[in-house]
N, C-alpha and C. Protein backbone atom coordinates (compact mmCIF):
# COMPACT_ATOMS: atom_id res chain seq x y z
N MET A 1 67.09 148.57 12.89
CA MET A 1 65.95 147.49 13.05
C MET A 1 64.63 148.14 12.51
N LEU A 2 63.95 147.40 11.82
CA LEU A 2 62.66 147.78 11.42
C LEU A 2 61.66 147.94 12.49
N PRO A 3 60.56 148.80 12.29
CA PRO A 3 59.42 148.81 13.31
C PRO A 3 58.70 147.45 13.45
N GLY A 4 58.31 147.06 14.52
CA GLY A 4 57.52 145.80 14.76
C GLY A 4 56.64 145.24 13.57
N PRO A 5 55.59 146.09 13.28
CA PRO A 5 54.71 145.62 12.25
C PRO A 5 55.30 145.40 10.93
N LEU A 6 56.25 146.22 10.57
CA LEU A 6 57.05 146.00 9.29
C LEU A 6 57.93 144.82 9.34
N ARG A 7 58.54 144.64 10.43
CA ARG A 7 59.37 143.42 10.60
C ARG A 7 58.48 142.13 10.56
N ARG A 8 57.34 142.20 11.17
CA ARG A 8 56.54 140.97 11.00
C ARG A 8 56.07 140.69 9.61
N ARG A 9 55.69 141.77 8.93
CA ARG A 9 55.35 141.53 7.45
C ARG A 9 56.46 140.95 6.70
N ALA A 10 57.64 141.52 6.96
CA ALA A 10 58.94 141.10 6.19
C ALA A 10 59.15 139.52 6.41
N LEU A 11 58.98 139.22 7.76
CA LEU A 11 59.25 137.80 8.28
C LEU A 11 58.15 136.93 7.64
N GLN A 12 56.97 137.26 7.64
CA GLN A 12 55.87 136.46 7.04
C GLN A 12 56.09 136.26 5.60
N ALA A 13 56.46 137.29 4.91
CA ALA A 13 56.73 137.16 3.39
C ALA A 13 57.95 136.27 3.17
N ALA A 14 59.01 136.32 4.01
CA ALA A 14 60.19 135.35 3.82
C ALA A 14 59.74 133.89 4.04
N PHE A 15 58.97 133.70 5.14
CA PHE A 15 58.57 132.31 5.25
C PHE A 15 57.48 131.83 4.21
N ASP A 16 56.65 132.81 3.60
CA ASP A 16 55.85 132.35 2.64
C ASP A 16 56.64 131.96 1.37
N ARG A 17 57.64 132.75 1.03
CA ARG A 17 58.52 132.36 -0.17
C ARG A 17 59.28 130.99 0.04
N ALA A 18 59.58 130.82 1.36
CA ALA A 18 60.24 129.50 1.73
C ALA A 18 59.25 128.42 1.50
N ARG A 19 58.03 128.65 2.02
CA ARG A 19 57.00 127.58 1.63
C ARG A 19 56.75 127.37 0.21
N ASP A 20 56.70 128.40 -0.63
CA ASP A 20 56.44 128.23 -1.99
C ASP A 20 57.61 127.45 -2.75
N ALA A 21 58.77 127.67 -2.23
CA ALA A 21 59.98 126.96 -2.72
C ALA A 21 59.99 125.46 -2.35
N PHE A 22 59.54 125.27 -1.09
CA PHE A 22 59.56 123.78 -0.55
C PHE A 22 58.34 123.10 -1.38
N ASP A 23 57.26 123.70 -1.53
CA ASP A 23 56.21 123.23 -2.26
C ASP A 23 56.50 122.67 -3.71
N ARG A 24 57.45 123.39 -4.30
CA ARG A 24 57.93 123.08 -5.67
C ARG A 24 59.15 122.33 -5.74
N GLY A 25 59.64 121.95 -4.47
CA GLY A 25 60.81 120.99 -4.39
C GLY A 25 62.14 121.71 -4.47
N ASP A 26 62.17 122.93 -4.49
CA ASP A 26 63.41 123.85 -4.67
C ASP A 26 64.08 123.92 -3.30
N ILE A 27 64.81 122.90 -2.84
CA ILE A 27 65.46 123.01 -1.50
C ILE A 27 66.63 123.94 -1.45
N GLU A 28 67.26 124.15 -2.65
CA GLU A 28 68.31 125.19 -2.69
C GLU A 28 67.69 126.57 -2.32
N ALA A 29 66.49 126.92 -2.81
CA ALA A 29 65.92 128.23 -2.56
C ALA A 29 65.51 128.29 -1.04
N VAL A 30 64.96 127.08 -0.47
CA VAL A 30 64.56 127.08 0.87
C VAL A 30 65.70 127.37 1.76
N THR A 31 66.89 126.77 1.45
CA THR A 31 68.02 126.91 2.32
C THR A 31 68.99 128.05 1.80
N ALA A 32 68.56 129.00 1.04
CA ALA A 32 69.34 130.10 0.55
C ALA A 32 69.93 130.96 1.57
N LEU A 33 69.30 131.18 2.76
CA LEU A 33 69.74 131.99 3.84
C LEU A 33 70.42 131.13 4.92
N PHE A 34 70.65 129.93 4.70
CA PHE A 34 71.29 129.04 5.74
C PHE A 34 72.81 129.35 5.68
N ALA A 35 73.27 129.51 6.94
CA ALA A 35 74.79 129.73 7.05
C ALA A 35 75.60 128.45 6.61
N ARG A 36 76.70 128.43 6.04
CA ARG A 36 77.46 127.33 5.58
C ARG A 36 77.59 126.35 6.70
N ASP A 37 77.66 126.74 8.00
CA ASP A 37 77.90 125.87 9.01
C ASP A 37 76.73 125.67 9.98
N VAL A 38 75.52 125.86 9.33
CA VAL A 38 74.17 125.69 10.07
C VAL A 38 74.14 124.44 10.85
N GLU A 39 73.51 124.54 12.00
CA GLU A 39 73.08 123.47 12.82
C GLU A 39 71.66 123.13 12.58
N TYR A 40 71.27 121.93 12.19
CA TYR A 40 69.90 121.69 11.67
C TYR A 40 69.39 120.37 12.37
N VAL A 41 68.22 120.44 12.92
CA VAL A 41 67.52 119.28 13.50
C VAL A 41 66.31 119.02 12.62
N PRO A 42 66.24 117.93 11.89
CA PRO A 42 65.20 117.66 11.01
C PRO A 42 63.91 117.26 11.81
N PRO A 43 62.67 117.44 11.12
CA PRO A 43 61.45 116.97 11.68
C PRO A 43 61.67 115.49 12.07
N PRO A 44 61.20 115.07 13.33
CA PRO A 44 61.45 113.76 13.76
C PRO A 44 60.88 112.63 13.01
N PRO A 45 59.74 112.81 12.22
CA PRO A 45 59.34 111.73 11.30
C PRO A 45 60.29 111.41 10.25
N LEU A 46 61.18 112.38 9.86
CA LEU A 46 62.05 112.13 8.71
C LEU A 46 63.57 111.85 9.17
N GLY A 47 63.92 112.19 10.37
CA GLY A 47 65.28 112.01 10.85
C GLY A 47 65.47 112.21 12.38
N ASP A 48 66.60 111.78 12.89
CA ASP A 48 66.91 112.19 14.26
C ASP A 48 68.31 112.61 14.39
N GLY A 49 68.42 113.41 15.43
CA GLY A 49 69.81 113.92 15.55
C GLY A 49 70.11 115.24 14.88
N GLU A 50 71.21 115.87 15.05
CA GLU A 50 71.54 117.10 14.55
C GLU A 50 72.39 116.83 13.22
N ILE A 51 72.06 117.69 12.16
CA ILE A 51 72.83 117.68 11.05
C ILE A 51 73.67 118.96 11.04
N ARG A 52 74.93 118.93 10.70
CA ARG A 52 75.78 120.14 10.73
C ARG A 52 76.27 120.39 9.38
N GLY A 53 76.06 121.64 8.90
CA GLY A 53 76.59 122.21 7.62
C GLY A 53 75.62 122.05 6.56
N LEU A 54 75.50 123.12 5.77
CA LEU A 54 74.62 123.27 4.53
C LEU A 54 74.77 122.06 3.63
N PRO A 55 76.00 121.70 3.24
CA PRO A 55 75.92 120.51 2.29
C PRO A 55 75.18 119.33 2.80
N ALA A 56 75.32 119.03 4.13
CA ALA A 56 74.65 117.85 4.69
C ALA A 56 73.11 118.10 4.83
N VAL A 57 72.71 119.19 5.08
CA VAL A 57 71.28 119.60 5.00
C VAL A 57 70.63 119.45 3.68
N LEU A 58 71.35 119.93 2.55
CA LEU A 58 70.93 119.72 1.30
C LEU A 58 70.76 118.20 0.97
N GLU A 59 71.86 117.47 1.22
CA GLU A 59 71.93 116.00 0.96
C GLU A 59 70.61 115.35 1.68
N PHE A 60 70.41 115.65 3.02
CA PHE A 60 69.23 115.04 3.76
C PHE A 60 67.97 115.37 2.93
N TRP A 61 67.67 116.72 2.63
CA TRP A 61 66.40 116.95 2.00
C TRP A 61 66.35 116.46 0.54
N HIS A 62 67.45 116.36 -0.17
CA HIS A 62 67.41 115.69 -1.51
C HIS A 62 66.98 114.19 -1.28
N GLY A 63 67.48 113.56 -0.28
CA GLY A 63 67.04 112.15 0.07
C GLY A 63 65.69 111.98 0.28
N VAL A 64 65.16 112.99 1.15
CA VAL A 64 63.74 112.90 1.47
C VAL A 64 62.76 113.09 0.28
N LEU A 65 63.16 114.04 -0.57
CA LEU A 65 62.42 114.31 -1.85
C LEU A 65 62.56 113.09 -2.79
N ALA A 66 63.58 112.33 -2.69
CA ALA A 66 63.69 111.09 -3.61
C ALA A 66 62.58 110.17 -3.16
N ARG A 67 62.43 110.08 -1.79
CA ARG A 67 61.43 109.12 -1.24
C ARG A 67 60.00 109.73 -1.27
N TYR A 68 59.98 110.98 -1.01
CA TYR A 68 58.65 111.71 -1.15
C TYR A 68 58.63 112.81 -2.10
N PRO A 69 58.40 112.52 -3.39
CA PRO A 69 58.58 113.62 -4.34
C PRO A 69 57.66 114.70 -4.38
N HIS A 70 56.52 114.56 -3.68
CA HIS A 70 55.53 115.55 -3.58
C HIS A 70 55.39 115.90 -2.05
N SER A 71 56.02 116.95 -1.76
CA SER A 71 56.05 117.42 -0.22
C SER A 71 55.51 118.78 -0.24
N THR A 72 54.68 119.13 0.79
CA THR A 72 54.15 120.48 1.02
C THR A 72 54.24 120.87 2.41
N ILE A 73 54.22 122.12 2.65
CA ILE A 73 54.25 122.74 3.98
C ILE A 73 53.26 123.83 4.00
N GLU A 74 52.58 123.85 5.17
CA GLU A 74 51.44 124.94 5.37
C GLU A 74 51.91 125.73 6.60
N ASN A 75 52.21 126.96 6.53
CA ASN A 75 52.48 127.81 7.61
C ASN A 75 51.15 128.04 8.47
N LEU A 76 51.26 127.71 9.66
CA LEU A 76 50.07 127.90 10.60
C LEU A 76 50.32 129.00 11.51
N ALA A 77 51.34 129.34 11.92
CA ALA A 77 51.63 130.44 12.86
C ALA A 77 53.07 130.74 12.76
N LEU A 78 53.39 132.09 13.09
CA LEU A 78 54.73 132.59 13.15
C LEU A 78 54.82 133.59 14.17
N ARG A 79 55.86 133.64 14.95
CA ARG A 79 56.04 134.75 15.92
C ARG A 79 57.60 134.93 16.12
N GLU A 80 57.89 136.17 16.51
CA GLU A 80 59.30 136.38 16.83
C GLU A 80 59.39 136.30 18.37
N ALA A 81 60.13 135.24 18.76
CA ALA A 81 60.27 134.91 20.14
C ALA A 81 61.25 135.88 20.86
N ALA A 82 62.09 136.36 20.25
CA ALA A 82 63.27 137.23 20.69
C ALA A 82 63.98 137.84 19.38
N PRO A 83 64.78 138.80 19.57
CA PRO A 83 65.44 139.38 18.41
C PRO A 83 66.27 138.25 17.80
N GLY A 84 66.05 137.89 16.54
CA GLY A 84 66.81 136.93 15.77
C GLY A 84 66.38 135.56 16.08
N ARG A 85 65.29 135.25 16.73
CA ARG A 85 64.76 133.98 17.03
C ARG A 85 63.21 133.97 16.73
N PHE A 86 62.95 132.96 15.75
CA PHE A 86 61.56 132.92 15.29
C PHE A 86 60.98 131.50 15.48
N VAL A 87 59.74 131.43 15.82
CA VAL A 87 59.00 130.14 16.02
C VAL A 87 57.90 130.14 15.00
N ARG A 88 57.87 128.91 14.34
CA ARG A 88 56.89 128.79 13.26
C ARG A 88 56.24 127.43 13.53
N THR A 89 55.00 127.36 13.49
CA THR A 89 54.18 126.10 13.51
C THR A 89 53.62 125.88 12.12
N ALA A 90 53.86 124.57 11.68
CA ALA A 90 53.63 124.27 10.18
C ALA A 90 53.10 122.82 10.12
N ARG A 91 52.41 122.58 9.12
CA ARG A 91 51.89 121.21 8.82
C ARG A 91 52.55 120.78 7.50
N LEU A 92 53.19 119.52 7.68
CA LEU A 92 53.89 119.02 6.48
C LEU A 92 53.19 117.79 5.95
N ARG A 93 53.27 117.71 4.77
CA ARG A 93 52.72 116.40 4.04
C ARG A 93 53.64 116.00 2.91
N HIS A 94 54.04 114.57 3.07
CA HIS A 94 54.89 113.93 2.15
C HIS A 94 54.25 112.80 1.49
N VAL A 95 54.22 112.82 0.16
CA VAL A 95 53.50 111.65 -0.56
C VAL A 95 54.82 110.80 -1.07
N PRO A 96 54.62 109.49 -0.87
CA PRO A 96 55.70 108.56 -1.33
C PRO A 96 55.73 108.47 -2.86
N ALA A 97 56.91 108.15 -3.33
CA ALA A 97 57.07 108.00 -4.83
C ALA A 97 56.27 106.66 -5.31
N ALA A 98 56.23 105.66 -4.51
CA ALA A 98 55.61 104.44 -4.98
C ALA A 98 54.14 104.27 -4.64
N GLY A 99 53.55 105.41 -4.26
CA GLY A 99 52.15 105.37 -3.76
C GLY A 99 52.16 105.04 -2.31
N GLY A 100 51.02 104.72 -1.87
CA GLY A 100 50.94 104.43 -0.33
C GLY A 100 50.39 105.68 0.37
N GLU A 101 50.40 105.53 1.67
CA GLU A 101 49.85 106.55 2.54
C GLU A 101 50.79 107.78 2.68
N PRO A 102 50.36 108.92 2.62
CA PRO A 102 51.22 110.00 2.77
C PRO A 102 51.61 110.22 4.33
N LEU A 103 52.71 110.85 4.62
CA LEU A 103 53.17 111.11 5.84
C LEU A 103 52.70 112.57 6.30
N GLU A 104 52.02 112.69 7.30
CA GLU A 104 51.48 114.04 7.64
C GLU A 104 51.80 114.28 9.08
N TYR A 105 52.24 115.59 9.34
CA TYR A 105 52.47 115.82 10.89
C TYR A 105 52.66 117.44 10.98
N GLU A 106 52.57 117.87 12.19
CA GLU A 106 52.75 119.25 12.49
C GLU A 106 54.04 119.48 13.35
N ILE A 107 54.81 120.58 13.06
CA ILE A 107 55.99 120.74 13.60
C ILE A 107 56.00 122.21 14.28
N VAL A 108 56.95 122.32 15.35
CA VAL A 108 57.14 123.68 15.85
C VAL A 108 58.67 123.84 15.42
N GLN A 109 58.89 124.82 14.68
CA GLN A 109 60.26 125.02 14.14
C GLN A 109 60.89 126.31 14.77
N THR A 110 61.99 126.22 15.49
CA THR A 110 62.65 127.40 15.92
C THR A 110 63.83 127.69 15.05
N THR A 111 63.95 128.95 14.61
CA THR A 111 65.05 129.38 13.73
C THR A 111 65.82 130.52 14.38
N VAL A 112 67.07 130.40 14.29
CA VAL A 112 67.91 131.43 14.95
C VAL A 112 68.73 132.03 13.79
N LEU A 113 68.63 133.42 13.70
CA LEU A 113 69.31 134.17 12.79
C LEU A 113 70.66 134.89 13.35
N ARG A 114 71.81 134.96 12.62
CA ARG A 114 72.80 135.88 13.12
C ARG A 114 73.26 136.38 11.72
N GLY A 115 73.51 137.70 11.62
CA GLY A 115 74.07 138.28 10.49
C GLY A 115 73.10 138.02 9.33
N GLY A 116 71.88 137.93 9.46
CA GLY A 116 70.99 137.73 8.33
C GLY A 116 70.99 136.23 7.78
N ARG A 117 71.70 135.27 8.43
CA ARG A 117 71.73 133.88 8.13
C ARG A 117 71.24 133.11 9.10
N VAL A 118 70.59 131.90 8.77
CA VAL A 118 70.10 130.96 9.68
C VAL A 118 71.30 130.10 10.10
N VAL A 119 71.54 130.16 11.46
CA VAL A 119 72.68 129.46 12.11
C VAL A 119 72.18 128.23 12.74
N ARG A 120 70.89 128.19 13.11
CA ARG A 120 70.38 126.91 13.79
C ARG A 120 68.86 126.89 13.61
N GLN A 121 68.46 125.64 13.27
CA GLN A 121 67.02 125.46 13.00
C GLN A 121 66.66 124.13 13.75
N VAL A 122 65.69 124.08 14.61
CA VAL A 122 65.33 122.92 15.25
C VAL A 122 63.82 122.69 14.94
N ASN A 123 63.49 121.31 14.48
CA ASN A 123 62.11 120.99 14.17
C ASN A 123 61.68 119.98 15.28
N GLU A 124 60.65 120.23 15.96
CA GLU A 124 60.05 119.36 16.93
C GLU A 124 58.54 119.08 16.47
N LEU A 125 58.07 117.82 16.94
CA LEU A 125 56.72 117.62 16.61
C LEU A 125 55.84 118.48 17.51
N SER A 126 54.76 119.05 16.89
CA SER A 126 53.89 119.91 17.69
C SER A 126 53.11 119.00 18.68
N ARG A 127 52.85 119.55 19.86
CA ARG A 127 52.29 118.74 20.96
C ARG A 127 50.80 118.96 21.01
């Protein structure tokens, strides 16, 4: 296991790469480290309930990007809650395809890793 400061820098860099991929609409790159059988809870403004499996997560996000072709995420905070468990606060913005008001909200995202893969990710609205 890497020392704390080095681990935090590596973690921040990984989340920054995911942010950049999300901002350019590259969902495959965002989910590249997801386990095939990932358990995923989307941000409440976009969906409810748990999605199981990487193919279903990809289908969900491709549907979101069809409705909101310009979506961005801003990482606000990131911390390691426990070994293999990370909590990120982020601000998302989705601009609809047909114009209209963008959808904006903040989430608290909890990510659980096992064997270097995301096995569970839960998104909740920030309070």
